[in-house]
């Protein structure tokens, strides 16, 4: 076992859940911090972090950097999703003056997306933990895209909690459709 000097470390409060500040469902101005292009599957992930407010840089800690699957948005360019692709690229262009998301996409200029902002409304969903307990988490996979001005003006509605239905297969974090690229996408 390694020897670690803990003499200058303040112990965390483990009796009350510690000081972890859970990100609530709501509207956020987010920024794109990374992009993961999966060309063979015709989609890309926009890894996001919170850009403004009390939760700014929420995912910038070691845990958030090490778990990008918990805070990313899927953008498909399969034939069946081209209308959604166009809408999302147009909104990214509108929200970031001087940026042409369509040109960046068509030019394979993935790095151009880094730092761009978007408004997002995210709700919660229930899932079954590995211990069989029903818990809630943010559902970034179904985030609603908005303009940052709409978020700042509180001009949005948070989706209702997506509850597990009786008889649903467990949706635990280890098998989440948006956590692993080897899972099937919700569209063809």
Foldseek 3Di string as FASTA:
>chain_A
DDDDDCPPPDDFPPPPPGPDDADAFFKAKKAFADKADDVVQQKIKGQIAGCDDPCHCVLVDPVSVVQSLQGIEIDGPPPVRVVVNVVVQVLLPVQDDPDRSVCCVVVVVRVSRGGGIWMWGWHKEWFQEPVRDIDIDIDNHPIDTDHVVCRVVVVDDHDDYHYDDVPDDTCYPVNHQSRDPVHDDPDD
